[in-house]
Structure formats: structure tokens, C-alpha cells
Amino acid sequence: MKIVISNRSSVPIYEQIKEQVKAAIFAGQLVEDDMLPSIRGLAKDLKVSVITTTRAYQDLEAEGFVINVQGRGCFVLPRNVELARENALHKIEQALQAAVTAAKNEKISKDEVLERLLILWEED
């Protein structure tokens, strides 16, 4: 797993780290019992403060994605099926919102959008 941060983003660095770890878990790149890089190691690699990586890992633990085992490291917890479903629904809602906005901007009817959605749904 490679984490890339952007200093130009309006998203705080700890949030960028957290979201990329979550994305890797949802994508199956990180699985149960995988060990994350150490807090200090990740901070050094990303050239950020240890406080920043600590915050990202604490948030991940609070959200139920990882567990920090004192003296051993931070490990990925078993995948929460309901959490994965919620994440997928959120991504779908974002994509659909973009489609609705584009359709309204171009005066495309709801029926035309629904027709295309059904066609896409039926494709292999």
C-alpha cells in the first residue's frame, strides 16, 4: 500500500492518510491482520509529524478499521460487511448525484437518465 499526500489539498493530511488506508481496506489491498507501517516509520516516509500519523491511526481505530496493540503495532481488523456496504452506497450516491447534476444542466429528462441506468444495469 502506497500513501500519497498532497500539501495543496484542503483536506488535512491525517484525513488523507486515514481515507487512503480505508480505501485500501475496502479494495482488499489490506486484509485482516495485516500490519500497518509504524507511526514513526510512516511519518518519516511521508515527511510529516508523528502527531499527524498518530491522529490518522487513532481515527482509524475509533472507526473500527484497525487495532493498535501496544508494543506490537497497528493491525487491520476483520472487514465489517455493513461498513463496506455503507461505503459502497456512499460512492454510488456521489456518482449518481454527479449524473443528476449533469442531466439537469443539459436539460436531459429523468426518464432518459433512468433508461440509461437500466441499460447499464443489464450489461455484463
N, C-alpha and C. Protein backbone atom coordinates (compact mmCIF):
# COMPACT_ATOMS: atom_id res chain seq x y z
N MET A 1 0.84 -1.17 0.00
CA MET A 1 0.00 0.00 0.00
C MET A 1 0.89 1.24 0.00
N LYS A 2 0.59 2.14 -0.91
CA LYS A 2 1.34 3.39 -1.01
C LYS A 2 0.41 4.54 -0.66
N ILE A 3 0.87 5.37 0.25
CA ILE A 3 0.09 6.54 0.65
C ILE A 3 0.72 7.77 0.01
N VAL A 4 -0.11 8.56 -0.64
CA VAL A 4 0.35 9.78 -1.29
C VAL A 4 -0.42 10.93 -0.68
N ILE A 5 0.29 11.92 -0.18
CA ILE A 5 -0.38 13.07 0.40
C ILE A 5 -0.15 14.30 -0.48
N SER A 6 -1.08 15.21 -0.39
CA SER A 6 -0.99 16.45 -1.14
C SER A 6 -1.00 17.62 -0.16
N ASN A 7 0.04 18.41 -0.21
CA ASN A 7 0.10 19.59 0.64
C ASN A 7 -0.80 20.71 0.11
N ARG A 8 -1.25 20.58 -1.12
CA ARG A 8 -2.10 21.61 -1.73
C ARG A 8 -3.59 21.35 -1.48
N SER A 9 -3.90 20.17 -0.98
CA SER A 9 -5.29 19.80 -0.74
C SER A 9 -5.83 20.56 0.47
N SER A 10 -7.13 20.82 0.43
CA SER A 10 -7.77 21.45 1.59
C SER A 10 -8.08 20.42 2.67
N VAL A 11 -7.92 19.14 2.33
CA VAL A 11 -8.16 18.05 3.28
C VAL A 11 -6.93 17.91 4.17
N PRO A 12 -7.11 17.88 5.49
CA PRO A 12 -5.95 17.73 6.38
C PRO A 12 -5.17 16.45 6.07
N ILE A 13 -3.88 16.47 6.32
CA ILE A 13 -3.01 15.34 5.99
C ILE A 13 -3.43 14.08 6.73
N TYR A 14 -3.79 14.19 8.01
CA TYR A 14 -4.20 13.00 8.75
C TYR A 14 -5.43 12.36 8.11
N GLU A 15 -6.32 13.20 7.58
CA GLU A 15 -7.53 12.72 6.92
C GLU A 15 -7.18 12.04 5.60
N GLN A 16 -6.22 12.57 4.87
CA GLN A 16 -5.77 11.95 3.63
C GLN A 16 -5.21 10.56 3.90
N ILE A 17 -4.40 10.45 4.96
CA ILE A 17 -3.83 9.15 5.33
C ILE A 17 -4.95 8.18 5.69
N LYS A 18 -5.85 8.62 6.55
CA LYS A 18 -6.96 7.78 7.01
C LYS A 18 -7.79 7.29 5.83
N GLU A 19 -8.16 8.17 4.93
CA GLU A 19 -9.01 7.79 3.81
C GLU A 19 -8.31 6.82 2.86
N GLN A 20 -7.01 6.98 2.69
CA GLN A 20 -6.28 6.07 1.81
C GLN A 20 -6.14 4.68 2.44
N VAL A 21 -5.97 4.61 3.74
CA VAL A 21 -5.93 3.31 4.42
C VAL A 21 -7.30 2.65 4.32
N LYS A 22 -8.37 3.41 4.56
CA LYS A 22 -9.72 2.86 4.45
C LYS A 22 -9.98 2.36 3.03
N ALA A 23 -9.56 3.12 2.03
CA ALA A 23 -9.76 2.72 0.64
C ALA A 23 -9.02 1.41 0.34
N ALA A 24 -7.82 1.27 0.89
CA ALA A 24 -7.04 0.04 0.69
C ALA A 24 -7.74 -1.15 1.36
N ILE A 25 -8.36 -0.92 2.50
CA ILE A 25 -9.09 -1.99 3.18
C ILE A 25 -10.32 -2.38 2.36
N PHE A 26 -11.09 -1.40 1.90
CA PHE A 26 -12.28 -1.68 1.10
C PHE A 26 -11.94 -2.37 -0.22
N ALA A 27 -10.77 -2.03 -0.78
CA ALA A 27 -10.35 -2.61 -2.05
C ALA A 27 -9.71 -3.99 -1.88
N GLY A 28 -9.49 -4.39 -0.63
CA GLY A 28 -8.89 -5.70 -0.39
C GLY A 28 -7.37 -5.70 -0.47
N GLN A 29 -6.77 -4.52 -0.60
CA GLN A 29 -5.30 -4.43 -0.61
C GLN A 29 -4.74 -4.67 0.79
N LEU A 30 -5.52 -4.31 1.78
CA LEU A 30 -5.19 -4.60 3.18
C LEU A 30 -6.28 -5.51 3.71
N VAL A 31 -5.87 -6.60 4.32
CA VAL A 31 -6.84 -7.57 4.83
C VAL A 31 -6.61 -7.79 6.32
N GLU A 32 -7.53 -8.51 6.92
CA GLU A 32 -7.47 -8.80 8.35
C GLU A 32 -6.08 -9.25 8.77
N ASP A 33 -5.62 -8.68 9.87
CA ASP A 33 -4.33 -8.98 10.50
C ASP A 33 -3.11 -8.41 9.77
N ASP A 34 -3.30 -7.71 8.65
CA ASP A 34 -2.16 -7.03 8.02
C ASP A 34 -1.67 -5.94 8.98
N MET A 35 -0.38 -5.79 9.05
CA MET A 35 0.20 -4.77 9.92
C MET A 35 0.44 -3.49 9.11
N LEU A 36 -0.01 -2.38 9.66
CA LEU A 36 0.25 -1.09 9.03
C LEU A 36 1.67 -0.66 9.35
N PRO A 37 2.22 0.26 8.55
CA PRO A 37 3.54 0.80 8.89
C PRO A 37 3.51 1.42 10.29
N SER A 38 4.63 1.42 10.96
CA SER A 38 4.67 2.04 12.29
C SER A 38 4.35 3.52 12.16
N ILE A 39 3.86 4.08 13.22
CA ILE A 39 3.51 5.51 13.23
C ILE A 39 4.73 6.35 12.89
N ARG A 40 5.84 6.04 13.54
CA ARG A 40 7.07 6.81 13.29
C ARG A 40 7.60 6.57 11.88
N GLY A 41 7.55 5.32 11.44
CA GLY A 41 8.03 4.99 10.10
C GLY A 41 7.23 5.69 9.02
N LEU A 42 5.91 5.68 9.17
CA LEU A 42 5.05 6.34 8.19
C LEU A 42 5.29 7.85 8.20
N ALA A 43 5.42 8.42 9.39
CA ALA A 43 5.69 9.86 9.49
C ALA A 43 6.99 10.21 8.77
N LYS A 44 8.01 9.38 8.97
CA LYS A 44 9.30 9.62 8.32
C LYS A 44 9.18 9.49 6.80
N ASP A 45 8.49 8.43 6.33
CA ASP A 45 8.33 8.22 4.89
C ASP A 45 7.57 9.37 4.22
N LEU A 46 6.53 9.85 4.90
CA LEU A 46 5.71 10.92 4.33
C LEU A 46 6.24 12.31 4.62
N LYS A 47 7.27 12.36 5.48
CA LYS A 47 7.85 13.64 5.90
C LYS A 47 6.80 14.53 6.56
N VAL A 48 6.08 13.92 7.51
CA VAL A 48 5.08 14.64 8.28
C VAL A 48 5.33 14.39 9.76
N SER A 49 4.62 15.08 10.59
CA SER A 49 4.75 14.95 12.03
C SER A 49 4.21 13.60 12.51
N VAL A 50 4.84 13.07 13.55
CA VAL A 50 4.35 11.86 14.19
C VAL A 50 2.94 12.10 14.73
N ILE A 51 2.67 13.31 15.15
CA ILE A 51 1.33 13.66 15.65
C ILE A 51 0.28 13.45 14.55
N THR A 52 0.64 13.77 13.33
CA THR A 52 -0.27 13.62 12.19
C THR A 52 -0.61 12.16 11.95
N THR A 53 0.41 11.30 11.91
CA THR A 53 0.14 9.88 11.67
C THR A 53 -0.57 9.25 12.87
N THR A 54 -0.23 9.71 14.07
CA THR A 54 -0.91 9.21 15.27
C THR A 54 -2.40 9.52 15.19
N ARG A 55 -2.73 10.72 14.78
CA ARG A 55 -4.14 11.12 14.66
C ARG A 55 -4.87 10.25 13.64
N ALA A 56 -4.23 9.99 12.50
CA ALA A 56 -4.85 9.15 11.47
C ALA A 56 -5.12 7.75 12.01
N TYR A 57 -4.14 7.16 12.69
CA TYR A 57 -4.29 5.81 13.23
C TYR A 57 -5.33 5.78 14.35
N GLN A 58 -5.36 6.80 15.18
CA GLN A 58 -6.36 6.86 16.25
C GLN A 58 -7.77 6.93 15.67
N ASP A 59 -7.93 7.73 14.63
CA ASP A 59 -9.24 7.83 13.97
C ASP A 59 -9.64 6.50 13.34
N LEU A 60 -8.68 5.83 12.70
CA LEU A 60 -8.96 4.53 12.10
C LEU A 60 -9.38 3.51 13.17
N GLU A 61 -8.73 3.58 14.32
CA GLU A 61 -9.08 2.67 15.41
C GLU A 61 -10.47 3.01 15.96
N ALA A 62 -10.74 4.29 16.13
CA ALA A 62 -12.04 4.71 16.64
C ALA A 62 -13.18 4.31 15.70
N GLU A 63 -12.90 4.28 14.40
CA GLU A 63 -13.91 3.92 13.41
C GLU A 63 -14.00 2.41 13.19
N GLY A 64 -13.15 1.64 13.87
CA GLY A 64 -13.23 0.18 13.81
C GLY A 64 -12.52 -0.48 12.65
N PHE A 65 -11.56 0.22 12.06
CA PHE A 65 -10.82 -0.36 10.94
C PHE A 65 -9.55 -1.08 11.38
N VAL A 66 -8.94 -0.59 12.44
CA VAL A 66 -7.66 -1.15 12.90
C VAL A 66 -7.67 -1.26 14.41
N ILE A 67 -6.69 -2.00 14.91
CA ILE A 67 -6.48 -2.05 16.35
C ILE A 67 -4.99 -1.83 16.60
N ASN A 68 -4.71 -1.00 17.59
CA ASN A 68 -3.32 -0.73 17.94
C ASN A 68 -2.96 -1.60 19.14
N VAL A 69 -2.02 -2.50 18.95
CA VAL A 69 -1.57 -3.40 20.01
C VAL A 69 -0.27 -2.83 20.56
N GLN A 70 -0.32 -2.40 21.80
CA GLN A 70 0.83 -1.75 22.43
C GLN A 70 2.09 -2.61 22.28
N GLY A 71 3.12 -2.03 21.73
CA GLY A 71 4.40 -2.70 21.59
C GLY A 71 4.51 -3.61 20.38
N ARG A 72 3.41 -3.84 19.67
CA ARG A 72 3.44 -4.74 18.51
C ARG A 72 3.13 -4.01 17.21
N GLY A 73 2.24 -3.02 17.25
CA GLY A 73 1.90 -2.29 16.04
C GLY A 73 0.41 -2.16 15.84
N CYS A 74 0.07 -1.71 14.67
CA CYS A 74 -1.32 -1.44 14.31
C CYS A 74 -1.74 -2.45 13.24
N PHE A 75 -2.86 -3.15 13.48
CA PHE A 75 -3.30 -4.23 12.61
C PHE A 75 -4.71 -3.99 12.10
N VAL A 76 -4.96 -4.47 10.87
CA VAL A 76 -6.27 -4.35 10.26
C VAL A 76 -7.23 -5.33 10.94
N LEU A 77 -8.40 -4.84 11.29
CA LEU A 77 -9.44 -5.67 11.90
C LEU A 77 -10.23 -6.39 10.81
N PRO A 78 -10.98 -7.42 11.18
CA PRO A 78 -11.83 -8.09 10.18
C PRO A 78 -12.75 -7.08 9.51
N ARG A 79 -12.99 -7.29 8.23
CA ARG A 79 -13.81 -6.37 7.45
C ARG A 79 -15.25 -6.39 7.94
N ASN A 80 -15.76 -5.23 8.23
CA ASN A 80 -17.15 -5.06 8.66
C ASN A 80 -18.02 -4.97 7.41
N VAL A 81 -18.84 -5.99 7.17
CA VAL A 81 -19.64 -6.07 5.96
C VAL A 81 -20.59 -4.88 5.85
N GLU A 82 -21.22 -4.50 6.94
CA GLU A 82 -22.16 -3.38 6.91
C GLU A 82 -21.44 -2.07 6.59
N LEU A 83 -20.25 -1.89 7.15
CA LEU A 83 -19.46 -0.69 6.88
C LEU A 83 -19.05 -0.64 5.42
N ALA A 84 -18.67 -1.78 4.87
CA ALA A 84 -18.29 -1.85 3.45
C ALA A 84 -19.49 -1.52 2.56
N ARG A 85 -20.67 -2.00 2.95
CA ARG A 85 -21.88 -1.71 2.19
C ARG A 85 -22.20 -0.22 2.23
N GLU A 86 -22.09 0.38 3.40
CA GLU A 86 -22.34 1.81 3.53
C GLU A 86 -21.36 2.62 2.69
N ASN A 87 -20.11 2.19 2.65
CA ASN A 87 -19.11 2.88 1.85
C ASN A 87 -19.47 2.78 0.36
N ALA A 88 -19.88 1.60 -0.09
CA ALA A 88 -20.27 1.42 -1.48
C ALA A 88 -21.48 2.29 -1.82
N LEU A 89 -22.47 2.32 -0.93
CA LEU A 89 -23.65 3.15 -1.16
C LEU A 89 -23.29 4.64 -1.25
N HIS A 90 -22.35 5.05 -0.41
CA HIS A 90 -21.91 6.45 -0.44
C HIS A 90 -21.27 6.79 -1.79
N LYS A 91 -20.42 5.90 -2.29
CA LYS A 91 -19.78 6.13 -3.60
C LYS A 91 -20.83 6.17 -4.71
N ILE A 92 -21.81 5.28 -4.63
CA ILE A 92 -22.87 5.26 -5.64
C ILE A 92 -23.67 6.56 -5.60
N GLU A 93 -24.00 7.02 -4.41
CA GLU A 93 -24.75 8.27 -4.27
C GLU A 93 -23.98 9.45 -4.86
N GLN A 94 -22.67 9.49 -4.63
CA GLN A 94 -21.86 10.57 -5.20
C GLN A 94 -21.88 10.53 -6.72
N ALA A 95 -21.72 9.34 -7.30
CA ALA A 95 -21.72 9.21 -8.75
C ALA A 95 -23.10 9.56 -9.33
N LEU A 96 -24.15 9.10 -8.66
CA LEU A 96 -25.50 9.42 -9.14
C LEU A 96 -25.79 10.92 -9.02
N GLN A 97 -25.31 11.54 -7.97
CA GLN A 97 -25.51 12.98 -7.82
C GLN A 97 -24.84 13.74 -8.96
N ALA A 98 -23.64 13.30 -9.33
CA ALA A 98 -22.94 13.93 -10.45
C ALA A 98 -23.72 13.72 -11.75
N ALA A 99 -24.29 12.54 -11.94
CA ALA A 99 -25.08 12.26 -13.14
C ALA A 99 -26.35 13.11 -13.17
N VAL A 100 -27.02 13.23 -12.05
CA VAL A 100 -28.25 14.05 -11.96
C VAL A 100 -27.93 15.51 -12.27
N THR A 101 -26.85 16.01 -11.69
CA THR A 101 -26.45 17.40 -11.93
C THR A 101 -26.16 17.63 -13.41
N ALA A 102 -25.40 16.71 -14.02
CA ALA A 102 -25.08 16.84 -15.45
C ALA A 102 -26.35 16.79 -16.30
N ALA A 103 -27.25 15.89 -15.96
CA ALA A 103 -28.50 15.77 -16.72
C ALA A 103 -29.34 17.04 -16.61
N LYS A 104 -29.46 17.57 -15.41
CA LYS A 104 -30.25 18.80 -15.22
C LYS A 104 -29.62 19.97 -15.96
N ASN A 105 -28.29 20.05 -15.92
CA ASN A 105 -27.60 21.14 -16.61
C ASN A 105 -27.84 21.10 -18.12
N GLU A 106 -28.00 19.90 -18.66
CA GLU A 106 -28.18 19.74 -20.10
C GLU A 106 -29.64 19.48 -20.49
N LYS A 107 -30.54 19.66 -19.50
CA LYS A 107 -31.98 19.50 -19.74
C LYS A 107 -32.33 18.09 -20.25
N ILE A 108 -31.67 17.09 -19.69
CA ILE A 108 -31.96 15.69 -20.02
C ILE A 108 -32.99 15.20 -19.00
N SER A 109 -34.03 14.56 -19.48
CA SER A 109 -35.13 14.17 -18.60
C SER A 109 -34.75 13.02 -17.66
N LYS A 110 -35.52 12.95 -16.58
CA LYS A 110 -35.34 11.87 -15.60
C LYS A 110 -35.55 10.52 -16.28
N ASP A 111 -36.55 10.44 -17.17
CA ASP A 111 -36.82 9.18 -17.87
C ASP A 111 -35.63 8.74 -18.73
N GLU A 112 -34.97 9.70 -19.39
CA GLU A 112 -33.80 9.36 -20.21
C GLU A 112 -32.65 8.86 -19.34
N VAL A 113 -32.48 9.48 -18.20
CA VAL A 113 -31.42 9.05 -17.28
C VAL A 113 -31.72 7.65 -16.74
N LEU A 114 -32.96 7.44 -16.31
CA LEU A 114 -33.35 6.12 -15.80
C LEU A 114 -33.21 5.04 -16.87
N GLU A 115 -33.55 5.37 -18.11
CA GLU A 115 -33.41 4.41 -19.20
C GLU A 115 -31.95 3.99 -19.37
N ARG A 116 -31.06 4.96 -19.32
CA ARG A 116 -29.64 4.65 -19.45
C ARG A 116 -29.12 3.85 -18.25
N LEU A 117 -29.62 4.17 -17.07
CA LEU A 117 -29.23 3.43 -15.88
C LEU A 117 -29.64 1.96 -16.01
N LEU A 118 -30.86 1.73 -16.47
CA LEU A 118 -31.34 0.35 -16.66
C LEU A 118 -30.52 -0.38 -17.72
N ILE A 119 -30.15 0.30 -18.78
CA ILE A 119 -29.31 -0.33 -19.82
C ILE A 119 -27.96 -0.72 -19.22
N LEU A 120 -27.37 0.18 -18.49
CA LEU A 120 -26.06 -0.11 -17.84
C LEU A 120 -26.18 -1.24 -16.85
N TRP A 121 -27.29 -1.26 -16.11
CA TRP A 121 -27.50 -2.31 -15.10
C TRP A 121 -27.55 -3.69 -15.75
N GLU A 122 -28.17 -3.77 -16.92
CA GLU A 122 -28.33 -5.06 -17.59
C GLU A 122 -27.10 -5.53 -18.34
N GLU A 123 -26.15 -4.64 -18.59
CA GLU A 123 -24.92 -5.03 -19.30
C GLU A 123 -24.08 -5.95 -18.43
N ASP A 124 -23.33 -6.82 -19.09
CA ASP A 124 -22.44 -7.74 -18.35
C ASP A 124 -21.19 -7.05 -17.92
